[in-house]
N, C-alpha and C. Protein backbone atom coordinates (compact mmCIF):
# COMPACT_ATOMS: atom_id res chain seq x y z
N MET A 1 102.82 104.26 94.74
CA MET A 1 102.35 105.63 94.81
C MET A 1 102.32 106.06 96.28
N PRO A 2 102.83 107.23 96.58
CA PRO A 2 102.92 107.65 97.98
C PRO A 2 101.59 108.08 98.61
N ILE A 3 100.53 108.24 97.82
CA ILE A 3 99.23 108.57 98.40
C ILE A 3 98.41 107.28 98.50
N ILE A 4 98.02 106.96 99.71
CA ILE A 4 97.24 105.75 99.99
C ILE A 4 95.79 106.17 100.24
N VAL A 5 94.86 105.47 99.63
CA VAL A 5 93.43 105.75 99.82
C VAL A 5 92.88 104.71 100.79
N ASN A 6 92.43 105.17 101.94
CA ASN A 6 91.91 104.29 102.99
C ASN A 6 90.38 104.29 103.01
N LEU A 7 89.77 104.43 101.86
CA LEU A 7 88.31 104.48 101.79
C LEU A 7 87.69 103.18 102.30
N ASP A 8 88.28 102.06 101.94
CA ASP A 8 87.74 100.77 102.39
C ASP A 8 87.79 100.63 103.90
N VAL A 9 88.83 101.18 104.52
CA VAL A 9 88.96 101.14 105.98
C VAL A 9 87.85 101.94 106.64
N MET A 10 87.61 103.16 106.13
CA MET A 10 86.56 104.00 106.71
C MET A 10 85.17 103.41 106.48
N MET A 11 84.98 102.80 105.32
CA MET A 11 83.69 102.15 105.05
C MET A 11 83.46 100.99 106.01
N ALA A 12 84.49 100.23 106.29
CA ALA A 12 84.38 99.11 107.23
C ALA A 12 84.08 99.61 108.64
N ARG A 13 84.75 100.69 109.04
CA ARG A 13 84.51 101.25 110.38
C ARG A 13 83.08 101.75 110.54
N ARG A 14 82.52 102.27 109.45
CA ARG A 14 81.14 102.79 109.49
C ARG A 14 80.11 101.73 109.09
N LYS A 15 80.62 100.50 108.78
CA LYS A 15 79.75 99.40 108.36
C LYS A 15 78.87 99.82 107.18
N MET A 16 79.51 100.43 106.18
CA MET A 16 78.79 100.91 105.01
C MET A 16 79.30 100.19 103.77
N SER A 17 78.37 99.74 102.94
CA SER A 17 78.74 99.04 101.71
C SER A 17 79.06 100.04 100.61
N LEU A 18 79.69 99.54 99.56
CA LEU A 18 80.02 100.37 98.41
C LEU A 18 78.74 100.88 97.76
N ASN A 19 77.72 100.03 97.69
CA ASN A 19 76.43 100.44 97.12
C ASN A 19 75.79 101.56 97.92
N GLU A 20 75.82 101.43 99.24
CA GLU A 20 75.21 102.43 100.10
C GLU A 20 75.94 103.77 99.98
N LEU A 21 77.27 103.72 99.99
CA LEU A 21 78.05 104.95 99.86
C LEU A 21 77.82 105.58 98.49
N SER A 22 77.74 104.76 97.46
CA SER A 22 77.49 105.25 96.11
C SER A 22 76.17 106.02 96.04
N GLU A 23 75.16 105.51 96.68
CA GLU A 23 73.85 106.18 96.70
C GLU A 23 73.90 107.48 97.49
N LYS A 24 74.56 107.47 98.64
CA LYS A 24 74.62 108.67 99.48
C LYS A 24 75.43 109.79 98.82
N VAL A 25 76.50 109.41 98.12
CA VAL A 25 77.41 110.41 97.55
C VAL A 25 77.01 110.75 96.11
N ASN A 26 76.15 109.94 95.53
CA ASN A 26 75.71 110.13 94.14
C ASN A 26 76.87 110.01 93.15
N ILE A 27 77.65 108.94 93.32
CA ILE A 27 78.76 108.60 92.43
C ILE A 27 78.51 107.19 91.92
N THR A 28 78.87 106.93 90.67
CA THR A 28 78.68 105.59 90.14
C THR A 28 79.54 104.59 90.89
N LEU A 29 79.09 103.35 90.92
CA LEU A 29 79.86 102.28 91.58
C LEU A 29 81.24 102.15 90.94
N ALA A 30 81.31 102.29 89.62
CA ALA A 30 82.59 102.15 88.92
C ALA A 30 83.58 103.21 89.37
N ASN A 31 83.14 104.47 89.45
CA ASN A 31 84.04 105.54 89.87
C ASN A 31 84.44 105.41 91.34
N LEU A 32 83.51 105.01 92.17
CA LEU A 32 83.81 104.82 93.58
C LEU A 32 84.78 103.65 93.77
N SER A 33 84.62 102.62 92.99
CA SER A 33 85.52 101.47 93.04
C SER A 33 86.94 101.85 92.62
N ILE A 34 87.06 102.68 91.59
CA ILE A 34 88.37 103.16 91.15
C ILE A 34 89.05 103.94 92.27
N LEU A 35 88.29 104.77 92.94
CA LEU A 35 88.84 105.54 94.06
C LEU A 35 89.23 104.62 95.21
N LYS A 36 88.36 103.66 95.53
CA LYS A 36 88.59 102.74 96.64
C LYS A 36 89.84 101.88 96.45
N THR A 37 90.08 101.47 95.22
CA THR A 37 91.23 100.61 94.95
C THR A 37 92.53 101.40 94.78
N GLY A 38 92.45 102.72 94.84
CA GLY A 38 93.65 103.54 94.73
C GLY A 38 94.11 103.76 93.30
N LYS A 39 93.27 103.45 92.33
CA LYS A 39 93.64 103.60 90.92
C LYS A 39 93.30 104.99 90.37
N ALA A 40 92.61 105.80 91.15
CA ALA A 40 92.24 107.14 90.70
C ALA A 40 93.47 108.04 90.66
N LYS A 41 93.54 108.87 89.66
CA LYS A 41 94.65 109.81 89.52
C LYS A 41 94.33 111.15 90.16
N ALA A 42 93.05 111.40 90.41
CA ALA A 42 92.61 112.66 91.01
C ALA A 42 91.26 112.44 91.68
N VAL A 43 90.93 113.36 92.57
CA VAL A 43 89.61 113.34 93.20
C VAL A 43 89.18 114.80 93.37
N ARG A 44 87.96 115.08 93.01
CA ARG A 44 87.44 116.44 93.17
C ARG A 44 87.18 116.71 94.64
N PHE A 45 87.39 117.97 95.03
CA PHE A 45 87.11 118.35 96.41
C PHE A 45 85.63 118.15 96.74
N SER A 46 84.75 118.39 95.80
CA SER A 46 83.32 118.19 96.05
C SER A 46 83.01 116.72 96.32
N THR A 47 83.70 115.83 95.61
CA THR A 47 83.52 114.39 95.84
C THR A 47 84.07 114.01 97.20
N LEU A 48 85.25 114.50 97.52
CA LEU A 48 85.87 114.21 98.81
C LEU A 48 84.99 114.74 99.95
N GLU A 49 84.44 115.92 99.76
CA GLU A 49 83.55 116.50 100.77
C GLU A 49 82.32 115.63 100.98
N ALA A 50 81.72 115.16 99.89
CA ALA A 50 80.53 114.32 99.99
C ALA A 50 80.84 112.99 100.67
N ILE A 51 81.99 112.41 100.37
CA ILE A 51 82.39 111.15 101.00
C ILE A 51 82.61 111.37 102.49
N CYS A 52 83.30 112.45 102.84
CA CYS A 52 83.54 112.74 104.26
C CYS A 52 82.24 112.97 105.01
N GLU A 53 81.30 113.64 104.36
CA GLU A 53 80.01 113.88 105.00
C GLU A 53 79.26 112.56 105.21
N ALA A 54 79.27 111.70 104.20
CA ALA A 54 78.56 110.42 104.29
C ALA A 54 79.18 109.50 105.33
N LEU A 55 80.52 109.54 105.44
CA LEU A 55 81.22 108.64 106.38
C LEU A 55 81.52 109.31 107.72
N ASP A 56 81.14 110.58 107.85
CA ASP A 56 81.40 111.34 109.08
C ASP A 56 82.88 111.25 109.47
N CYS A 57 83.73 111.71 108.54
CA CYS A 57 85.17 111.65 108.79
C CYS A 57 85.86 112.87 108.17
N GLN A 58 87.15 112.94 108.31
CA GLN A 58 87.96 114.01 107.76
C GLN A 58 88.71 113.50 106.53
N PRO A 59 89.11 114.40 105.61
CA PRO A 59 89.88 113.96 104.43
C PRO A 59 91.13 113.16 104.80
N GLY A 60 91.76 113.51 105.90
CA GLY A 60 92.95 112.79 106.36
C GLY A 60 92.67 111.37 106.80
N ASP A 61 91.40 111.07 107.08
CA ASP A 61 91.03 109.70 107.43
C ASP A 61 90.99 108.82 106.17
N ILE A 62 90.81 109.45 105.01
CA ILE A 62 90.68 108.73 103.75
C ILE A 62 91.98 108.72 102.97
N LEU A 63 92.67 109.87 102.95
CA LEU A 63 93.92 109.99 102.18
C LEU A 63 95.12 110.05 103.12
N GLU A 64 96.15 109.31 102.77
CA GLU A 64 97.34 109.22 103.61
C GLU A 64 98.58 109.31 102.72
N TYR A 65 99.56 110.10 103.14
CA TYR A 65 100.81 110.21 102.41
C TYR A 65 101.85 109.31 103.08
N VAL A 66 102.49 108.46 102.26
CA VAL A 66 103.52 107.56 102.77
C VAL A 66 104.76 107.74 101.87
N GLU A 67 105.88 108.04 102.49
CA GLU A 67 107.12 108.21 101.71
C GLU A 67 107.56 106.87 101.15
N GLU A 68 108.09 106.92 99.92
CA GLU A 68 108.58 105.69 99.29
C GLU A 68 110.02 105.44 99.68
């Protein structure tokens, strides 16, 4: 898939666990894990906004387009 999710990279840079991010963003661990592993087919802008706010980053820091 040409869209790469770098959520784990940003979480590591901010030294934030999946549990902590889940609490801050108010998303279940299961849904956050699906997003983190790149298995999500879509992400709501409101979710992306909350993640960016919690990790103090931009959407481009989390999502990356790579040509196949």
